[in-house]
PDB file of N, CA and C in Angstrom:
ATOM      1  N   MET A   1      13.198  36.824  16.858  1.00  0.00           N
ATOM      2  CA  MET A   1      14.556  36.485  17.083  1.00  0.00           C
ATOM      3  C   MET A   1      14.642  35.357  17.887  1.00  0.00           C
ATOM      4  N   THR A   2      15.663  34.419  17.591  1.00  0.00           N
ATOM      5  CA  THR A   2      15.744  33.177  18.413  1.00  0.00           C
ATOM      6  C   THR A   2      16.957  33.220  19.350  1.00  0.00           C
ATOM      7  N   ASP A   3      16.843  32.474  20.319  1.00  0.00           N
ATOM      8  CA  ASP A   3      18.008  32.477  21.208  1.00  0.00           C
ATOM      9  C   ASP A   3      18.916  31.237  20.880  1.00  0.00           C
ATOM     10  N   MET A   4      19.995  31.441  20.261  1.00  0.00           N
ATOM     11  CA  MET A   4      20.950  30.510  19.809  1.00  0.00           C
ATOM     12  C   MET A   4      21.564  29.724  20.935  1.00  0.00           C
ATOM     13  N   ALA A   5      21.526  30.373  22.140  1.00  0.00           N
ATOM     14  CA  ALA A   5      22.267  29.667  23.404  1.00  0.00           C
ATOM     15  C   ALA A   5      21.401  28.429  23.615  1.00  0.00           C
ATOM     16  N   SER A   6      20.023  28.361  23.480  1.00  0.00           N
ATOM     17  CA  SER A   6      19.383  27.222  23.681  1.00  0.00           C
ATOM     18  C   SER A   6      19.141  26.086  22.642  1.00  0.00           C
ATOM     19  N   ALA A   7      19.745  26.502  21.467  1.00  0.00           N
ATOM     20  CA  ALA A   7      19.699  25.536  20.324  1.00  0.00           C
ATOM     21  C   ALA A   7      20.584  24.307  20.695  1.00  0.00           C
ATOM     22  N   PRO A   8      20.214  23.073  20.365  1.00  0.00           N
ATOM     23  CA  PRO A   8      21.064  21.910  20.596  1.00  0.00           C
ATOM     24  C   PRO A   8      22.286  21.899  19.696  1.00  0.00           C
ATOM     25  N   SER A   9      23.345  21.470  20.290  1.00  0.00           N
ATOM     26  CA  SER A   9      24.598  21.344  19.509  1.00  0.00           C
ATOM     27  C   SER A   9      24.596  20.170  18.514  1.00  0.00           C
ATOM     28  N   ALA A  10      25.516  20.183  17.559  1.00  0.00           N
ATOM     29  CA  ALA A  10      25.570  19.133  16.623  1.00  0.00           C
ATOM     30  C   ALA A  10      25.854  17.784  17.440  1.00  0.00           C
ATOM     31  N   SER A  11      26.691  17.729  18.466  1.00  0.00           N
ATOM     32  CA  SER A  11      26.920  16.466  19.269  1.00  0.00           C
ATOM     33  C   SER A  11      25.676  16.100  19.945  1.00  0.00           C
ATOM     34  N   ASP A  12      24.818  16.992  20.459  1.00  0.00           N
ATOM     35  CA  ASP A  12      23.637  16.545  21.078  1.00  0.00           C
ATOM     36  C   ASP A  12      22.634  15.889  20.106  1.00  0.00           C
ATOM     37  N   ILE A  13      22.453  16.502  18.886  1.00  0.00           N
ATOM     38  CA  ILE A  13      21.585  15.854  17.851  1.00  0.00           C
ATOM     39  C   ILE A  13      22.057  14.504  17.443  1.00  0.00           C
ATOM     40  N   GLU A  14      23.445  14.354  17.380  1.00  0.00           N
ATOM     41  CA  GLU A  14      24.016  13.085  17.066  1.00  0.00           C
ATOM     42  C   GLU A  14      23.815  12.055  18.027  1.00  0.00           C
ATOM     43  N   GLN A  15      23.916  12.397  19.389  1.00  0.00           N
ATOM     44  CA  GLN A  15      23.718  11.527  20.511  1.00  0.00           C
ATOM     45  C   GLN A  15      22.103  11.138  20.434  1.00  0.00           C
ATOM     46  N   ALA A  16      21.268  12.085  20.207  1.00  0.00           N
ATOM     47  CA  ALA A  16      19.874  11.798  20.124  1.00  0.00           C
ATOM     48  C   ALA A  16      19.510  10.863  19.017  1.00  0.00           C
ATOM     49  N   THR A  17      20.147  10.957  17.885  1.00  0.00           N
ATOM     50  CA  THR A  17      19.962  10.133  16.770  1.00  0.00           C
ATOM     51  C   THR A  17      20.400   8.781  16.950  1.00  0.00           C
ATOM     52  N   ASP A  18      21.587   8.641  17.639  1.00  0.00           N
ATOM     53  CA  ASP A  18      22.142   7.420  17.958  1.00  0.00           C
ATOM     54  C   ASP A  18      21.141   6.619  18.879  1.00  0.00           C
ATOM     55  N   LEU A  19      20.687   7.302  19.993  1.00  0.00           N
ATOM     56  CA  LEU A  19      19.683   6.679  20.927  1.00  0.00           C
ATOM     57  C   LEU A  19      18.430   6.249  20.218  1.00  0.00           C
ATOM     58  N   LEU A  20      17.996   7.059  19.193  1.00  0.00           N
ATOM     59  CA  LEU A  20      16.725   6.551  18.445  1.00  0.00           C
ATOM     60  C   LEU A  20      16.948   5.383  17.700  1.00  0.00           C
ATOM     61  N   ASP A  21      18.107   5.359  16.991  1.00  0.00           N
ATOM     62  CA  ASP A  21      18.562   4.268  16.255  1.00  0.00           C
ATOM     63  C   ASP A  21      18.577   2.953  17.156  1.00  0.00           C
ATOM     64  N   GLN A  22      19.118   3.064  18.281  1.00  0.00           N
ATOM     65  CA  GLN A  22      19.273   1.958  19.374  1.00  0.00           C
ATOM     66  C   GLN A  22      17.927   1.518  19.664  1.00  0.00           C
ATOM     67  N   ASN A  23      16.945   2.481  19.987  1.00  0.00           N
ATOM     68  CA  ASN A  23      15.605   2.127  20.408  1.00  0.00           C
ATOM     69  C   ASN A  23      14.820   1.425  19.287  1.00  0.00           C
ATOM     70  N   PHE A  24      15.062   1.946  18.115  1.00  0.00           N
ATOM     71  CA  PHE A  24      14.409   1.257  16.912  1.00  0.00           C
ATOM     72  C   PHE A  24      14.921  -0.129  16.663  1.00  0.00           C
ATOM     73  N   ASP A  25      16.194  -0.315  16.729  1.00  0.00           N
ATOM     74  CA  ASP A  25      16.748  -1.632  16.549  1.00  0.00           C
ATOM     75  C   ASP A  25      16.224  -2.592  17.695  1.00  0.00           C
ATOM     76  N   LEU A  26      16.003  -2.078  18.823  1.00  0.00           N
ATOM     77  CA  LEU A  26      15.471  -2.860  20.003  1.00  0.00           C
ATOM     78  C   LEU A  26      14.003  -3.333  19.768  1.00  0.00           C
ATOM     79  N   LEU A  27      13.157  -2.425  19.141  1.00  0.00           N
ATOM     80  CA  LEU A  27      11.940  -2.631  19.053  1.00  0.00           C
ATOM     81  C   LEU A  27      11.531  -3.410  17.594  1.00  0.00           C
ATOM     82  N   SER A  28      12.514  -3.308  16.716  1.00  0.00           N
ATOM     83  CA  SER A  28      12.172  -3.781  15.342  1.00  0.00           C
ATOM     84  C   SER A  28      11.966  -5.293  15.265  1.00  0.00           C
ATOM     85  N   GLY A  29      12.393  -5.993  16.371  1.00  0.00           N
ATOM     86  CA  GLY A  29      12.294  -7.347  16.379  1.00  0.00           C
ATOM     87  C   GLY A  29      11.042  -7.878  17.089  1.00  0.00           C
ATOM     88  N   VAL A  30      10.261  -6.964  17.574  1.00  0.00           N
ATOM     89  CA  VAL A  30       8.967  -7.297  18.242  1.00  0.00           C
ATOM     90  C   VAL A  30       7.940  -7.798  17.161  1.00  0.00           C
ATOM     91  N   ALA A  31       7.220  -8.836  17.361  1.00  0.00           N
ATOM     92  CA  ALA A  31       6.271  -9.345  16.494  1.00  0.00           C
ATOM     93  C   ALA A  31       4.945  -8.751  16.727  1.00  0.00           C
ATOM     94  N   LEU A  32       4.210  -8.280  15.745  1.00  0.00           N
ATOM     95  CA  LEU A  32       2.895  -7.771  15.761  1.00  0.00           C
ATOM     96  C   LEU A  32       1.971  -8.603  15.098  1.00  0.00           C
ATOM     97  N   ARG A  33       0.772  -8.945  15.444  1.00  0.00           N
ATOM     98  CA  ARG A  33      -0.119  -9.658  14.731  1.00  0.00           C
ATOM     99  C   ARG A  33      -0.987  -8.662  13.868  1.00  0.00           C
ATOM    100  N   ILE A  34      -1.188  -8.889  12.576  1.00  0.00           N
ATOM    101  CA  ILE A  34      -1.917  -8.010  11.761  1.00  0.00           C
ATOM    102  C   ILE A  34      -3.143  -8.855  11.382  1.00  0.00           C
ATOM    103  N   SER A  35      -4.222  -7.981  11.188  1.00  0.00           N
ATOM    104  CA  SER A  35      -5.399  -8.608  10.773  1.00  0.00           C
ATOM    105  C   SER A  35      -6.025  -7.836   9.582  1.00  0.00           C
ATOM    106  N   VAL A  36      -6.828  -8.304   8.767  1.00  0.00           N
ATOM    107  CA  VAL A  36      -7.532  -7.764   7.684  1.00  0.00           C
ATOM    108  C   VAL A  36      -8.971  -7.849   7.796  1.00  0.00           C
ATOM    109  N   GLU A  37      -9.715  -6.616   7.760  1.00  0.00           N
ATOM    110  CA  GLU A  37     -11.135  -6.708   7.920  1.00  0.00           C
ATOM    111  C   GLU A  37     -11.842  -6.540   6.579  1.00  0.00           C
ATOM    112  N   VAL A  38     -12.709  -7.565   6.244  1.00  0.00           N
ATOM    113  CA  VAL A  38     -13.489  -7.460   5.091  1.00  0.00           C
ATOM    114  C   VAL A  38     -14.591  -6.514   5.182  1.00  0.00           C
ATOM    115  N   GLY A  39     -15.246  -6.523   6.355  1.00  0.00           N
ATOM    116  CA  GLY A  39     -16.388  -5.725   6.627  1.00  0.00           C
ATOM    117  C   GLY A  39     -17.037  -6.057   7.952  1.00  0.00           C
ATOM    118  N   SER A  40     -18.169  -5.436   8.289  1.00  0.00           N
ATOM    119  CA  SER A  40     -18.779  -5.777   9.456  1.00  0.00           C
ATOM    120  C   SER A  40     -20.299  -5.684   9.374  1.00  0.00           C
ATOM    121  N   ALA A  41     -21.122  -6.204  10.273  1.00  0.00           N
ATOM    122  CA  ALA A  41     -22.535  -6.027  10.141  1.00  0.00           C
ATOM    123  C   ALA A  41     -23.116  -5.988  11.645  1.00  0.00           C
ATOM    124  N   SER A  42     -24.301  -5.360  11.769  1.00  0.00           N
ATOM    125  CA  SER A  42     -24.909  -5.415  13.028  1.00  0.00           C
ATOM    126  C   SER A  42     -26.154  -6.270  12.926  1.00  0.00           C
ATOM    127  N   LEU A  43     -26.317  -7.304  13.780  1.00  0.00           N
ATOM    128  CA  LEU A  43     -27.368  -8.095  13.783  1.00  0.00           C
ATOM    129  C   LEU A  43     -28.121  -8.075  15.170  1.00  0.00           C
ATOM    130  N   LYS A  44     -29.376  -8.195  15.169  1.00  0.00           N
ATOM    131  CA  LYS A  44     -30.058  -8.419  16.309  1.00  0.00           C
ATOM    132  C   LYS A  44     -29.834  -9.774  16.905  1.00  0.00           C
ATOM    133  N   LEU A  45     -29.941 -10.023  18.128  1.00  0.00           N
ATOM    134  CA  LEU A  45     -29.615 -11.238  18.686  1.00  0.00           C
ATOM    135  C   LEU A  45     -30.541 -12.422  18.037  1.00  0.00           C
ATOM    136  N   CYS A  46     -31.676 -12.108  17.915  1.00  0.00           N
ATOM    137  CA  CYS A  46     -32.656 -13.131  17.409  1.00  0.00           C
ATOM    138  C   CYS A  46     -32.258 -13.462  15.848  1.00  0.00           C
ATOM    139  N   ASP A  47     -31.709 -12.462  15.157  1.00  0.00           N
ATOM    140  CA  ASP A  47     -31.224 -12.712  13.893  1.00  0.00           C
ATOM    141  C   ASP A  47     -29.927 -13.659  13.775  1.00  0.00           C
ATOM    142  N   LEU A  48     -29.085 -13.220  14.804  1.00  0.00           N
ATOM    143  CA  LEU A  48     -27.816 -14.019  14.970  1.00  0.00           C
ATOM    144  C   LEU A  48     -28.066 -15.460  15.253  1.00  0.00           C
ATOM    145  N   LEU A  49     -29.098 -15.592  16.218  1.00  0.00           N
ATOM    146  CA  LEU A  49     -29.357 -17.082  16.563  1.00  0.00           C
ATOM    147  C   LEU A  49     -30.131 -17.808  15.524  1.00  0.00           C
ATOM    148  N   GLY A  50     -30.680 -17.108  14.551  1.00  0.00           N
ATOM    149  CA  GLY A  50     -31.318 -17.740  13.458  1.00  0.00           C
ATOM    150  C   GLY A  50     -30.475 -18.134  12.306  1.00  0.00           C
ATOM    151  N   LEU A  51     -29.149 -17.788  12.385  1.00  0.00           N
ATOM    152  CA  LEU A  51     -28.288 -18.117  11.392  1.00  0.00           C
ATOM    153  C   LEU A  51     -28.005 -19.642  11.265  1.00  0.00           C
ATOM    154  N   ALA A  52     -27.974 -20.109   9.996  1.00  0.00           N
ATOM    155  CA  ALA A  52     -27.813 -21.467   9.893  1.00  0.00           C
ATOM    156  C   ALA A  52     -26.871 -21.692   8.647  1.00  0.00           C
ATOM    157  N   LYS A  53     -26.444 -22.989   8.386  1.00  0.00           N
ATOM    158  CA  LYS A  53     -25.507 -23.252   7.298  1.00  0.00           C
ATOM    159  C   LYS A  53     -26.218 -22.695   6.089  1.00  0.00           C
ATOM    160  N   GLY A  54     -25.539 -21.988   5.344  1.00  0.00           N
ATOM    161  CA  GLY A  54     -26.007 -21.419   4.001  1.00  0.00           C
ATOM    162  C   GLY A  54     -26.566 -19.951   4.200  1.00  0.00           C
ATOM    163  N   SER A  55     -26.692 -19.442   5.523  1.00  0.00           N
ATOM    164  CA  SER A  55     -27.142 -18.050   5.652  1.00  0.00           C
ATOM    165  C   SER A  55     -26.156 -17.149   5.109  1.00  0.00           C
ATOM    166  N   VAL A  56     -26.625 -16.001   4.652  1.00  0.00           N
ATOM    167  CA  VAL A  56     -25.757 -15.007   4.165  1.00  0.00           C
ATOM    168  C   VAL A  56     -25.939 -13.669   4.901  1.00  0.00           C
ATOM    169  N   VAL A  57     -24.855 -13.087   5.399  1.00  0.00           N
ATOM    170  CA  VAL A  57     -24.967 -11.888   6.177  1.00  0.00           C
ATOM    171  C   VAL A  57     -24.212 -10.834   5.241  1.00  0.00           C
ATOM    172  N   GLU A  58     -25.033  -9.827   5.037  1.00  0.00           N
ATOM    173  CA  GLU A  58     -24.590  -8.604   4.195  1.00  0.00           C
ATOM    174  C   GLU A  58     -23.639  -7.837   5.045  1.00  0.00           C
ATOM    175  N   LEU A  59     -22.468  -7.382   4.518  1.00  0.00           N
ATOM    176  CA  LEU A  59     -21.489  -6.663   5.307  1.00  0.00           C
ATOM    177  C   LEU A  59     -21.588  -5.215   4.733  1.00  0.00           C
ATOM    178  N   ASP A  60     -21.105  -4.325   5.500  1.00  0.00           N
ATOM    179  CA  ASP A  60     -21.145  -2.862   5.265  1.00  0.00           C
ATOM    180  C   ASP A  60     -20.107  -2.345   4.263  1.00  0.00           C
ATOM    181  N   ARG A  61     -19.531  -3.166   3.497  1.00  0.00           N
ATOM    182  CA  ARG A  61     -18.561  -2.681   2.537  1.00  0.00           C
ATOM    183  C   ARG A  61     -18.840  -3.134   1.102  1.00  0.00           C
ATOM    184  N   GLU A  62     -18.503  -2.275   0.136  1.00  0.00           N
ATOM    185  CA  GLU A  62     -18.729  -2.688  -1.250  1.00  0.00           C
ATOM    186  C   GLU A  62     -17.738  -3.752  -1.619  1.00  0.00           C
ATOM    187  N   ALA A  63     -18.167  -4.604  -2.568  1.00  0.00           N
ATOM    188  CA  ALA A  63     -17.361  -5.640  -2.984  1.00  0.00           C
ATOM    189  C   ALA A  63     -15.940  -5.278  -3.518  1.00  0.00           C
ATOM    190  N   ASP A  64     -15.893  -4.152  -4.099  1.00  0.00           N
ATOM    191  CA  ASP A  64     -14.607  -3.729  -4.754  1.00  0.00           C
ATOM    192  C   ASP A  64     -13.871  -2.723  -3.895  1.00  0.00           C
ATOM    193  N   ALA A  65     -14.158  -2.490  -2.633  1.00  0.00           N
ATOM    194  CA  ALA A  65     -13.580  -1.584  -1.756  1.00  0.00           C
ATOM    195  C   ALA A  65     -12.333  -2.286  -1.191  1.00  0.00           C
ATOM    196  N   LEU A  66     -11.470  -1.283  -0.937  1.00  0.00           N
ATOM    197  CA  LEU A  66     -10.113  -1.727  -0.276  1.00  0.00           C
ATOM    198  C   LEU A  66     -10.456  -2.269   1.128  1.00  0.00           C
ATOM    199  N   LEU A  67      -9.638  -3.276   1.441  1.00  0.00           N
ATOM    200  CA  LEU A  67      -9.889  -3.868   2.830  1.00  0.00           C
ATOM    201  C   LEU A  67      -8.950  -3.138   3.897  1.00  0.00           C
ATOM    202  N   ASP A  68      -9.409  -3.107   5.079  1.00  0.00           N
ATOM    203  CA  ASP A  68      -8.506  -2.431   6.181  1.00  0.00           C
ATOM    204  C   ASP A  68      -7.554  -3.381   6.806  1.00  0.00           C
ATOM    205  N   VAL A  69      -6.319  -2.993   6.920  1.00  0.00           N
ATOM    206  CA  VAL A  69      -5.188  -3.803   7.528  1.00  0.00           C
ATOM    207  C   VAL A  69      -4.974  -3.190   8.904  1.00  0.00           C
ATOM    208  N   PHE A  70      -5.036  -3.928  10.009  1.00  0.00           N
ATOM    209  CA  PHE A  70      -4.740  -3.501  11.391  1.00  0.00           C
ATOM    210  C   PHE A  70      -3.649  -4.165  11.927  1.00  0.00           C
ATOM    211  N   ALA A  71      -2.931  -3.474  12.787  1.00  0.00           N
ATOM    212  CA  ALA A  71      -1.845  -3.950  13.638  1.00  0.00           C
ATOM    213  C   ALA A  71      -2.221  -3.667  15.089  1.00  0.00           C
ATOM    214  N   ASN A  72      -2.454  -4.753  15.861  1.00  0.00           N
ATOM    215  CA  ASN A  72      -2.743  -4.495  17.224  1.00  0.00           C
ATOM    216  C   ASN A  72      -3.983  -3.475  17.302  1.00  0.00           C
ATOM    217  N   GLY A  73      -4.921  -3.735  16.472  1.00  0.00           N
ATOM    218  CA  GLY A  73      -6.227  -2.899  16.666  1.00  0.00           C
ATOM    219  C   GLY A  73      -6.084  -1.429  15.909  1.00  0.00           C
ATOM    220  N   THR A  74      -4.932  -1.067  15.325  1.00  0.00           N
ATOM    221  CA  THR A  74      -4.773   0.166  14.880  1.00  0.00           C
ATOM    222  C   THR A  74      -4.737   0.064  13.285  1.00  0.00           C
ATOM    223  N   LEU A  75      -5.560   0.851  12.612  1.00  0.00           N
ATOM    224  CA  LEU A  75      -5.543   0.889  11.232  1.00  0.00           C
ATOM    225  C   LEU A  75      -4.099   1.365  10.651  1.00  0.00           C
ATOM    226  N   ILE A  76      -3.559   0.569   9.804  1.00  0.00           N
ATOM    227  CA  ILE A  76      -2.230   1.023   9.419  1.00  0.00           C
ATOM    228  C   ILE A  76      -2.266   1.069   7.849  1.00  0.00           C
ATOM    229  N   ALA A  77      -3.071   0.346   7.074  1.00  0.00           N
ATOM    230  CA  ALA A  77      -3.011   0.285   5.728  1.00  0.00           C
ATOM    231  C   ALA A  77      -4.353  -0.138   5.130  1.00  0.00           C
ATOM    232  N   ARG A  78      -4.446  -0.067   3.794  1.00  0.00           N
ATOM    233  CA  ARG A  78      -5.607  -0.643   3.040  1.00  0.00           C
ATOM    234  C   ARG A  78      -5.041  -1.336   1.907  1.00  0.00           C
ATOM    235  N   GLY A  79      -5.784  -2.367   1.404  1.00  0.00           N
ATOM    236  CA  GLY A  79      -5.222  -3.094   0.411  1.00  0.00           C
ATOM    237  C   GLY A  79      -6.297  -3.975  -0.293  1.00  0.00           C
ATOM    238  N   GLU A  80      -5.840  -4.845  -1.184  1.00  0.00           N
ATOM    239  CA  GLU A  80      -6.818  -5.755  -1.896  1.00  0.00           C
ATOM    240  C   GLU A  80      -6.301  -7.170  -1.692  1.00  0.00           C
ATOM    241  N   VAL A  81      -7.220  -8.131  -1.771  1.00  0.00           N
ATOM    242  CA  VAL A  81      -6.933  -9.527  -1.526  1.00  0.00           C
ATOM    243  C   VAL A  81      -6.299 -10.101  -2.821  1.00  0.00           C
ATOM    244  N   VAL A  82      -5.354 -10.862  -2.587  1.00  0.00           N
ATOM    245  CA  VAL A  82      -4.686 -11.639  -3.578  1.00  0.00           C
ATOM    246  C   VAL A  82      -4.498 -13.049  -3.146  1.00  0.00           C
ATOM    247  N   THR A  83      -4.211 -13.996  -4.130  1.00  0.00           N
ATOM    248  CA  THR A  83      -3.866 -15.316  -3.594  1.00  0.00           C
ATOM    249  C   THR A  83      -2.387 -15.637  -3.959  1.00  0.00           C
ATOM    250  N   ILE A  84      -1.825 -16.473  -3.025  1.00  0.00           N
ATOM    251  CA  ILE A  84      -0.323 -16.815  -3.155  1.00  0.00           C
ATOM    252  C   ILE A  84      -0.264 -18.184  -2.916  1.00  0.00           C
ATOM    253  N   GLU A  85       0.013 -19.020  -3.997  1.00  0.00           N
ATOM    254  CA  GLU A  85       0.037 -20.484  -3.818  1.00  0.00           C
ATOM    255  C   GLU A  85      -1.095 -21.098  -3.002  1.00  0.00           C
ATOM    256  N   GLY A  86      -2.422 -20.665  -3.359  1.00  0.00           N
ATOM    257  CA  GLY A  86      -3.599 -21.247  -2.742  1.00  0.00           C
ATOM    258  C   GLY A  86      -3.951 -20.545  -1.348  1.00  0.00           C
ATOM    259  N   ARG A  87      -3.165 -19.575  -0.949  1.00  0.00           N
ATOM    260  CA  ARG A  87      -3.434 -18.942   0.456  1.00  0.00           C
ATOM    261  C   ARG A  87      -3.817 -17.484   0.039  1.00  0.00           C
ATOM    262  N   TYR A  88      -4.541 -16.823   0.954  1.00  0.00           N
ATOM    263  CA  TYR A  88      -4.891 -15.454   0.827  1.00  0.00           C
ATOM    264  C   TYR A  88      -3.784 -14.600   1.282  1.00  0.00           C
ATOM    265  N   GLY A  89      -3.606 -13.402   0.637  1.00  0.00           N
ATOM    266  CA  GLY A  89      -2.534 -12.399   1.010  1.00  0.00           C
ATOM    267  C   GLY A  89      -3.316 -11.004   0.737  1.00  0.00           C
ATOM    268  N   ILE A  90      -2.657 -10.014   1.085  1.00  0.00           N
ATOM    269  CA  ILE A  90      -3.094  -8.752   0.925  1.00  0.00           C
ATOM    270  C   ILE A  90      -2.016  -7.890   0.198  1.00  0.00           C
ATOM    271  N   ARG A  91      -2.440  -7.216  -0.914  1.00  0.00           N
ATOM    272  CA  ARG A  91      -1.514  -6.225  -1.606  1.00  0.00           C
ATOM    273  C   ARG A  91      -1.824  -4.961  -0.996  1.00  0.00           C
ATOM    274  N   VAL A  92      -0.881  -4.298  -0.318  1.00  0.00           N
ATOM    275  CA  VAL A  92      -1.034  -3.030   0.325  1.00  0.00           C
ATOM    276  C   VAL A  92      -1.055  -1.987  -0.901  1.00  0.00           C
ATOM    277  N   THR A  93      -2.080  -1.168  -0.875  1.00  0.00           N
ATOM    278  CA  THR A  93      -2.206  -0.172  -1.952  1.00  0.00           C
ATOM    279  C   THR A  93      -2.174   1.249  -1.331  1.00  0.00           C
ATOM    280  N   GLU A  94      -2.322   1.302   0.022  1.00  0.00           N
ATOM    281  CA  GLU A  94      -2.415   2.588   0.649  1.00  0.00           C
ATOM    282  C   GLU A  94      -1.930   2.446   2.027  1.00  0.00           C
ATOM    283  N   ILE A  95      -1.031   3.323   2.530  1.00  0.00           N
ATOM    284  CA  ILE A  95      -0.525   3.441   3.950  1.00  0.00           C
ATOM    285  C   ILE A  95      -1.291   4.547   4.595  1.00  0.00           C
ATOM    286  N   VAL A  96      -1.857   4.252   5.793  1.00  0.00           N
ATOM    287  CA  VAL A  96      -2.714   5.309   6.437  1.00  0.00           C
ATOM    288  C   VAL A  96      -1.707   6.423   7.053  1.00  0.00           C
ATOM    289  N   ASP A  97      -2.085   7.498   6.890  1.00  0.00           N
ATOM    290  CA  ASP A  97      -1.271   8.711   7.432  1.00  0.00           C
ATOM    291  C   ASP A  97      -1.765   8.711   8.989  1.00  0.00           C
ATOM    292  N   ARG A  98      -0.837   8.463   9.965  1.00  0.00           N
ATOM    293  CA  ARG A  98      -1.134   8.522  11.433  1.00  0.00           C
ATOM    294  C   ARG A  98      -1.623   9.885  11.745  1.00  0.00           C
ATOM    295  N   ARG A  99      -0.939  10.943  11.140  1.00  0.00           N
ATOM    296  CA  ARG A  99      -1.367  12.251  11.618  1.00  0.00           C
ATOM    297  C   ARG A  99      -2.815  12.666  11.073  1.00  0.00           C
ATOM    298  N   ALA A 100      -3.293  11.920  10.181  1.00  0.00           N
ATOM    299  CA  ALA A 100      -4.793  12.139   9.806  1.00  0.00           C
ATOM    300  C   ALA A 100      -5.807  11.530  10.748  1.00  0.00           C
ATOM    301  N   GLY A 101      -5.326  10.761  11.844  1.00  0.00           N
ATOM    302  CA  GLY A 101      -6.214  10.358  12.825  1.00  0.00           C
ATOM    303  C   GLY A 101      -6.651   8.981  12.450  1.00  0.00           C
ATOM    304  N   ALA A 102      -5.824   7.978  12.249  1.00  0.00           N
ATOM    305  CA  ALA A 102      -6.106   6.665  11.973  1.00  0.00           C
ATOM    306  C   ALA A 102      -7.167   6.019  12.919  1.00  0.00           C
ATOM    307  N   ASP A 103      -8.064   5.236  12.259  1.00  0.00           N
ATOM    308  CA  ASP A 103      -9.086   4.721  13.038  1.00  0.00           C
ATOM    309  C   ASP A 103      -8.543   3.579  13.926  1.00  0.00           C
ATOM    310  N   ARG A 104      -9.194   3.326  15.021  1.00  0.00           N
ATOM    311  CA  ARG A 104      -8.763   2.249  15.890  1.00  0.00           C
ATOM    312  C   ARG A 104     -10.010   1.434  16.195  1.00  0.00           C
ATOM    313  N   ARG A 105      -9.852   0.138  16.148  1.00  0.00           N
ATOM    314  CA  ARG A 105     -10.803  -0.871  16.530  1.00  0.00           C
ATOM    315  C   ARG A 105     -11.062  -0.553  18.026  1.00  0.00           C
ATOM    316  N   SER A 106     -12.227  -0.250  18.398  1.00  0.00           N
ATOM    317  CA  SER A 106     -12.512   0.200  19.752  1.00  0.00           C
ATOM    318  C   SER A 106     -13.957  -0.066  20.270  1.00  0.00           C
ATOM    319  N   THR A 107     -14.212  -0.027  21.483  1.00  0.00           N
ATOM    320  CA  THR A 107     -15.555  -0.069  22.017  1.00  0.00           C
ATOM    321  C   THR A 107     -16.452   0.936  21.389  1.00  0.00           C
ATOM    322  N   ASP A 108     -15.880   2.123  21.009  1.00  0.00           N
ATOM    323  CA  ASP A 108     -16.739   3.142  20.332  1.00  0.00           C
ATOM    324  C   ASP A 108     -17.328   2.695  19.157  1.00  0.00           C
ATOM    325  N   ARG A 109     -16.528   1.944  18.241  1.00  0.00           N
ATOM    326  CA  ARG A 109     -17.047   1.426  16.987  1.00  0.00           C
ATOM    327  C   ARG A 109     -18.177   0.445  17.217  1.00  0.00           C
ATOM    328  N   ARG A 110     -17.951  -0.485  18.215  1.00  0.00           N
ATOM    329  CA  ARG A 110     -19.048  -1.470  18.586  1.00  0.00           C
ATOM    330  C   ARG A 110     -20.216  -0.778  19.075  1.00  0.00           C
ATOM    331  N   THR A 111     -19.978   0.332  19.830  1.00  0.00           N
ATOM    332  CA  THR A 111     -21.193   1.061  20.296  1.00  0.00           C
ATOM    333  C   THR A 111     -22.006   1.674  19.127  1.00  0.00           C
ATOM    334  N   GLN A 112     -21.351   2.114  18.157  1.00  0.00           N
ATOM    335  CA  GLN A 112     -21.905   2.735  16.993  1.00  0.00           C
ATOM    336  C   GLN A 112     -22.673   1.660  16.202  1.00  0.00           C
ATOM    337  N   ASP A 113     -22.065   0.438  16.197  1.00  0.00           N
ATOM    338  CA  ASP A 113     -22.799  -0.676  15.384  1.00  0.00           C
ATOM    339  C   ASP A 113     -24.100  -0.994  16.152  1.00  0.00           C
ATOM    340  N   ARG A 114     -24.023  -1.026  17.496  1.00  0.00           N
ATOM    341  CA  ARG A 114     -25.176  -1.324  18.266  1.00  0.00           C
ATOM    342  C   ARG A 114     -26.279  -0.184  18.061  1.00  0.00           C
ATOM    343  N   ARG A 115     -25.964   0.987  18.040  1.00  0.00           N
ATOM    344  CA  ARG A 115     -26.944   2.036  17.707  1.00  0.00           C
ATOM    345  C   ARG A 115     -27.601   1.919  16.494  1.00  0.00           C
ATOM    346  N   ALA A 116     -26.802   1.433  15.466  1.00  0.00           N
ATOM    347  CA  ALA A 116     -27.260   1.204  14.055  1.00  0.00           C
ATOM    348  C   ALA A 116     -28.352   0.179  14.060  1.00  0.00           C
ATOM    349  N   ALA A 117     -28.328  -0.786  14.863  1.00  0.00           N
ATOM    350  CA  ALA A 117     -29.214  -1.866  14.826  1.00  0.00           C
ATOM    351  C   ALA A 117     -30.637  -1.528  15.228  1.00  0.00           C
TER     352      ALA A 117
END
C-alpha cells in the first residue's frame, strides 16, 4: 500500500518540469567538441621512434567497423565515414545507451593498451 500523502501534487510536478525545461534551455547553448575515433594501436617506444614517412601502423579495428563518436571523452554514438563536398563527415547509425555503461576515454584504457604491448 502506498502513502498518497507523500505523493507530489500536479502543481509540484508542473513546477519541476518547468525548472527542467529552463535548465535544459540554459545548457542547450553550450558548445561541445566531438571527435571520431578510427582505431588505436599500442607501440613500443622503439617502434614509435622508428616510424618514418610511408610507415603503416595497423589499428585495432576492422575496416568495415563503425567508428566511435565521443563528446568530451564520452562515447555517445557510432557511425560510418561519409564525404560532404570534399570534407569528412560521420553518418550516425547508432546512439549509445547511457544506461548500458557507455565507454569513456580514460587512463584505464591507456593502461590496458600498455599492458597489451
